């Protein structure tokens, strides 16, 4: 099973998930310095506080209700980022796949969306797609510590899996 630890930091609040491919969940001991991270939206949108507090079902419900009323891409994007994180946290991989892809393909490209989709790919065991998305996320100026840390960990796991 996937271990999940959500911690919050101010001012930029991070939802941190300890994640690993479903196939090797028990085989690897995840330590604090090798913790993969996903991030909720920077924008203060409906549902984000619940998701950051670990109230995933409530956050998902509020985010979906708001998403249904909004057609403007730039306003949909933060909701999609948050739904990507929350559905990944509850291990609803079909929904995570839908929301993480939608977040990347909606509105202006962002490091958060690429990073979160990379973590979804990683959980599903698609290391190559995860590395591609992290490479894309690293082209942005924002969240480089998170992206760099995730890239280092995924690369390490990729090397270990080849040995």
Protein backbone atom coordinates (compact mmCIF):
# COMPACT_ATOMS: atom_id res chain seq x y z
CA UNK A 1 0.00 0.00 0.00
CA UNK A 2 1.07 3.59 -0.57
CA UNK A 3 2.14 5.43 2.59
CA UNK A 4 0.77 8.94 2.75
CA UNK A 5 2.04 11.77 4.88
CA UNK A 6 0.52 15.18 4.44
CA UNK A 7 2.36 18.10 5.99
CA UNK A 8 1.78 21.78 5.50
CA UNK A 9 4.28 24.60 5.25
CA UNK A 10 3.65 28.34 5.04
CA UNK A 11 3.55 30.53 3.04
CA UNK A 12 3.51 28.15 0.09
CA UNK A 13 1.51 25.22 1.35
CA UNK A 14 2.71 21.87 0.11
CA UNK A 15 0.72 18.70 0.26
CA UNK A 16 3.44 16.11 0.55
CA UNK A 17 2.74 12.53 -0.31
CA UNK A 18 5.18 9.70 0.21
CA UNK A 19 4.58 7.74 -2.93
CA UNK A 20 6.12 4.79 -4.70
CA UNK A 21 5.12 2.53 -7.56
CA UNK A 22 2.24 0.28 -6.53
CA UNK A 23 4.29 -2.76 -7.60
CA UNK A 24 7.14 -2.17 -5.15
CA UNK A 25 5.38 -0.50 -2.25
CA UNK A 26 6.66 -2.82 0.47
CA UNK A 27 10.10 -3.36 -1.03
CA UNK A 28 11.44 0.15 -0.48
CA UNK A 29 11.81 1.95 2.82
CA UNK A 30 10.98 5.60 2.24
CA UNK A 31 12.97 7.96 4.43
CA UNK A 32 12.27 11.62 5.12
CA UNK A 33 14.90 12.86 2.68
CA UNK A 34 13.59 10.66 -0.12
CA UNK A 35 10.03 11.87 0.09
CA UNK A 36 8.29 12.61 -3.19
CA UNK A 37 6.05 15.64 -3.22
CA UNK A 38 2.97 16.88 -4.97
CA UNK A 39 1.65 20.40 -4.57
CA UNK A 40 -1.80 21.92 -4.30
CA UNK A 41 -2.64 25.12 -6.17
CA UNK A 42 -1.03 28.41 -5.26
CA UNK A 43 -4.43 30.01 -5.84
CA UNK A 44 -6.82 30.07 -2.89
CA UNK A 45 -9.71 28.13 -4.43
CA UNK A 46 -12.69 26.26 -2.99
CA UNK A 47 -11.68 22.85 -1.66
CA UNK A 48 -7.93 23.51 -1.35
CA UNK A 49 -7.97 23.97 2.45
CA UNK A 50 -9.80 20.67 2.93
CA UNK A 51 -7.34 18.83 0.67
CA UNK A 52 -4.36 20.36 2.49
CA UNK A 53 -5.91 19.32 5.82
CA UNK A 54 -6.22 15.73 4.59
CA UNK A 55 -10.03 15.90 4.26
CA UNK A 56 -9.77 14.53 0.73
CA UNK A 57 -13.36 13.41 0.12
CA UNK A 58 -14.71 16.80 1.29
CA UNK A 59 -12.12 18.69 -0.77
CA UNK A 60 -12.84 16.59 -3.84
CA UNK A 61 -16.59 17.15 -3.50
CA UNK A 62 -16.19 20.95 -3.15
CA UNK A 63 -13.62 21.16 -5.97
CA UNK A 64 -15.78 19.10 -8.38
CA UNK A 65 -18.87 21.21 -7.61
CA UNK A 66 -16.94 24.41 -8.31
CA UNK A 67 -15.29 22.95 -11.42
CA UNK A 68 -18.73 22.12 -12.85
CA UNK A 69 -19.69 25.82 -12.75
CA UNK A 70 -16.50 27.25 -14.30
CA UNK A 71 -15.61 27.34 -17.99
CA UNK A 72 -12.60 29.70 -17.97
CA UNK A 73 -9.40 27.64 -18.28
CA UNK A 74 -7.30 29.81 -15.96
CA UNK A 75 -9.91 29.38 -13.20
CA UNK A 76 -10.30 25.64 -13.82
CA UNK A 77 -6.57 24.90 -13.64
CA UNK A 78 -6.03 25.28 -9.84
CA UNK A 79 -9.09 23.11 -9.18
CA UNK A 80 -7.72 20.45 -11.53
CA UNK A 81 -4.30 20.60 -9.81
CA UNK A 82 -5.99 20.07 -6.45
CA UNK A 83 -8.18 17.24 -7.73
CA UNK A 84 -5.06 15.59 -9.15
CA UNK A 85 -3.39 15.72 -5.69
CA UNK A 86 -6.49 14.62 -3.76
CA UNK A 87 -7.40 11.67 -6.01
CA UNK A 88 -3.76 10.56 -5.95
CA UNK A 89 -3.84 10.74 -2.14
CA UNK A 90 -6.90 8.48 -1.90
CA UNK A 91 -5.41 6.12 -4.51
CA UNK A 92 -8.24 6.66 -7.03
CA UNK A 93 -5.86 6.22 -9.93
CA UNK A 94 -8.50 6.42 -12.69
CA UNK A 95 -9.64 9.83 -11.43
CA UNK A 96 -6.05 10.94 -10.71
CA UNK A 97 -5.14 10.06 -14.29
CA UNK A 98 -8.06 12.15 -15.59
CA UNK A 99 -7.42 15.19 -13.38
CA UNK A 100 -3.61 15.20 -13.63
CA UNK A 101 -3.75 15.10 -17.46
CA UNK A 102 -6.49 17.76 -17.51
CA UNK A 103 -4.41 20.04 -15.24
CA UNK A 104 -1.42 19.82 -17.59
CA UNK A 105 -3.58 20.46 -20.66
CA UNK A 106 -5.69 23.33 -19.22
CA UNK A 107 -4.67 26.98 -19.15
CA UNK A 108 -1.07 28.11 -18.85
CA UNK A 109 1.54 25.36 -18.42
CA UNK A 110 2.95 25.11 -14.89
CA UNK A 111 5.61 23.30 -12.87
CA UNK A 112 2.94 22.19 -10.37
CA UNK A 113 0.80 20.45 -13.01
CA UNK A 114 3.75 18.67 -14.63
CA UNK A 115 5.21 17.69 -11.25
CA UNK A 116 1.91 16.28 -9.98
CA UNK A 117 1.30 14.31 -13.18
CA UNK A 118 4.86 12.99 -12.94
CA UNK A 119 4.10 11.66 -9.46
CA UNK A 120 0.92 10.01 -10.76
CA UNK A 121 2.94 8.32 -13.52
CA UNK A 122 5.48 7.24 -10.90
CA UNK A 123 2.81 5.66 -8.68
CA UNK A 124 1.50 3.78 -11.72
CA UNK A 125 5.03 2.50 -12.39
CA UNK A 126 5.57 4.50 -15.59
CA UNK A 127 9.03 5.84 -14.72
CA UNK A 128 9.75 7.07 -18.25
CA UNK A 129 6.63 9.27 -18.38
CA UNK A 130 7.38 10.47 -14.84
CA UNK A 131 10.90 11.54 -15.84
CA UNK A 132 9.58 13.29 -18.98
CA UNK A 133 7.08 15.32 -16.93
CA UNK A 134 9.70 16.18 -14.28
CA UNK A 135 12.04 17.32 -17.04
CA UNK A 136 9.24 19.56 -18.35
CA UNK A 137 8.51 20.85 -14.80
CA UNK A 138 12.19 21.74 -14.36
CA UNK A 139 11.95 24.24 -17.26
CA UNK A 140 9.86 26.59 -15.11
CA UNK A 141 11.29 29.07 -12.61
CA UNK A 142 8.99 28.00 -9.78
CA UNK A 143 9.13 25.12 -7.28
CA UNK A 144 12.59 24.00 -8.38
CA UNK A 145 13.48 22.51 -4.97
CA UNK A 146 10.44 20.23 -5.06
CA UNK A 147 10.90 19.30 -8.73
CA UNK A 148 14.65 18.73 -8.29
CA UNK A 149 14.09 16.54 -5.24
CA UNK A 150 11.44 14.47 -7.05
CA UNK A 151 13.68 14.15 -10.12
CA UNK A 152 16.59 12.93 -8.00
CA UNK A 153 14.42 10.29 -6.27
CA UNK A 154 12.76 9.04 -9.48
CA UNK A 155 16.19 8.84 -11.17
CA UNK A 156 17.56 6.84 -8.21
CA UNK A 157 14.63 4.41 -8.38
CA UNK A 158 15.07 4.18 -12.14
CA UNK A 159 18.76 3.28 -11.73
CA UNK A 160 18.01 0.77 -8.96
CA UNK A 161 15.32 -0.92 -11.04
CA UNK A 162 17.78 -1.40 -13.92
CA UNK A 163 20.36 -3.15 -11.73
